[in-house]
Amino acid sequence: MLILAQALLLVISLYLAVMWIRFILDWARVLAPRFRPRGILLVLFEFVYTLTDPPLKFLRRWIKPLRVGPVALDLAWIVLLFGILLLRYGVQIWIFTGLR
């Protein structure tokens, strides 16, 4: 059971890293709108967006962007990030205190 919990923790941590990569790629697109990825960067973009788009689209059904003047903040990304962090914290507690 410990191996399963540690594997789950690893998967959650990797997904958390992919979420941060998505954050960086989104900002790269905002700061350089003419940029079009090619080659290995295109593969990276596609991989990251394929993994992160389904849960974000699901959350965006109910959580609309927050308008602050001309800027819209995507709260779905923040909610998903906190959800992943809570899940990781719960698995860590499960590993370090229980697993009985």
Protein backbone atom coordinates (compact mmCIF):
# COMPACT_ATOMS: atom_id res chain seq x y z
CA MET A 1 0.00 0.00 0.00
CA LEU A 2 2.93 2.33 0.69
CA ILE A 3 4.21 1.90 -2.87
CA LEU A 4 0.78 2.79 -4.25
CA ALA A 5 0.57 5.91 -2.08
CA GLN A 6 4.08 6.99 -3.09
CA ALA A 7 3.26 6.42 -6.76
CA LEU A 8 0.13 8.54 -6.35
CA LEU A 9 2.19 11.26 -4.68
CA LEU A 10 4.67 11.16 -7.57
CA VAL A 11 1.90 11.45 -10.17
CA ILE A 12 0.33 14.38 -8.31
CA SER A 13 3.71 16.13 -8.01
CA LEU A 14 4.42 15.63 -11.71
CA TYR A 15 1.00 17.04 -12.60
CA LEU A 16 1.70 20.01 -10.36
CA ALA A 17 4.94 20.61 -12.29
CA VAL A 18 3.00 20.41 -15.57
CA MET A 19 0.56 23.02 -14.22
CA TRP A 20 3.46 25.41 -13.54
CA ILE A 21 4.87 24.74 -17.01
CA ARG A 22 1.41 25.62 -18.37
CA PHE A 23 1.56 28.87 -16.39
CA ILE A 24 4.92 29.76 -17.96
CA LEU A 25 3.79 28.81 -21.47
CA ASP A 26 0.61 30.87 -21.13
CA TRP A 27 2.63 33.91 -20.09
CA ALA A 28 5.07 33.31 -22.94
CA ARG A 29 2.11 33.44 -25.35
CA VAL A 30 0.84 36.65 -23.73
CA LEU A 31 4.23 38.40 -23.80
CA ALA A 32 5.17 37.24 -27.32
CA PRO A 33 1.92 36.85 -29.29
CA ARG A 34 3.73 36.33 -32.60
CA PHE A 35 5.66 33.35 -31.23
CA ARG A 36 4.74 30.07 -32.92
CA PRO A 37 6.40 27.00 -31.40
CA ARG A 38 8.12 24.59 -33.75
CA GLY A 39 9.89 21.29 -33.33
CA ILE A 40 10.40 20.08 -29.78
CA LEU A 41 8.72 23.18 -28.34
CA LEU A 42 5.57 22.36 -30.27
CA VAL A 43 5.61 18.86 -28.81
CA LEU A 44 6.07 20.32 -25.31
CA PHE A 45 3.20 22.80 -25.80
CA GLU A 46 0.92 20.06 -27.12
CA PHE A 47 1.80 17.66 -24.28
CA VAL A 48 1.25 20.28 -21.56
CA TYR A 49 -2.00 21.60 -23.01
CA THR A 50 -3.35 18.08 -23.61
CA LEU A 51 -2.80 17.21 -19.94
CA THR A 52 -4.10 20.44 -18.44
CA ASP A 53 -6.96 21.49 -20.74
CA PRO A 54 -9.63 18.91 -19.70
CA PRO A 55 -9.73 19.80 -15.98
CA LEU A 56 -9.42 23.52 -16.73
CA LYS A 57 -12.27 23.42 -19.24
CA PHE A 58 -14.37 21.51 -16.71
CA LEU A 59 -13.75 24.15 -14.02
CA ARG A 60 -14.29 27.05 -16.43
CA ARG A 61 -17.90 25.96 -16.87
CA TRP A 62 -18.64 27.26 -13.37
CA ILE A 63 -15.74 29.57 -12.57
CA LYS A 64 -15.71 32.56 -14.87
CA PRO A 65 -12.66 34.85 -15.22
CA LEU A 66 -12.51 37.73 -12.79
CA ARG A 67 -12.57 41.07 -14.63
CA VAL A 68 -10.28 43.73 -13.17
CA GLY A 69 -10.45 46.63 -15.56
CA PRO A 70 -9.13 45.51 -18.96
CA VAL A 71 -7.58 42.36 -17.45
CA ALA A 72 -9.33 39.02 -16.89
CA LEU A 73 -7.85 36.68 -14.27
CA ASP A 74 -8.38 32.98 -14.90
CA LEU A 75 -9.54 31.69 -11.53
CA ALA A 76 -10.00 28.13 -12.82
CA TRP A 77 -6.22 27.69 -12.96
CA ILE A 78 -5.87 28.91 -9.37
CA VAL A 79 -8.69 26.68 -8.11
CA LEU A 80 -7.20 23.64 -9.88
CA LEU A 81 -3.76 24.43 -8.47
CA PHE A 82 -5.13 24.65 -4.91
CA GLY A 83 -7.09 21.43 -5.46
CA ILE A 84 -3.94 19.61 -6.56
CA LEU A 85 -2.01 21.00 -3.59
CA LEU A 86 -4.74 19.87 -1.17
CA LEU A 87 -4.79 16.42 -2.77
CA ARG A 88 -1.01 16.16 -2.48
CA TYR A 89 -1.17 17.28 1.15
CA GLY A 90 -3.85 14.67 1.88
CA VAL A 91 -1.75 11.90 0.31
CA GLN A 92 1.30 13.03 2.29
CA ILE A 93 -0.69 12.87 5.52
CA TRP A 94 -1.96 9.44 4.49
CA ILE A 95 1.61 8.25 3.86
CA PHE A 96 3.28 9.70 6.94
CA THR A 97 0.61 9.13 9.57
CA GLY A 98 -1.34 6.11 8.57
CA LEU A 99 -1.29 3.61 5.78
CA ARG A 100 -2.88 1.04 8.01
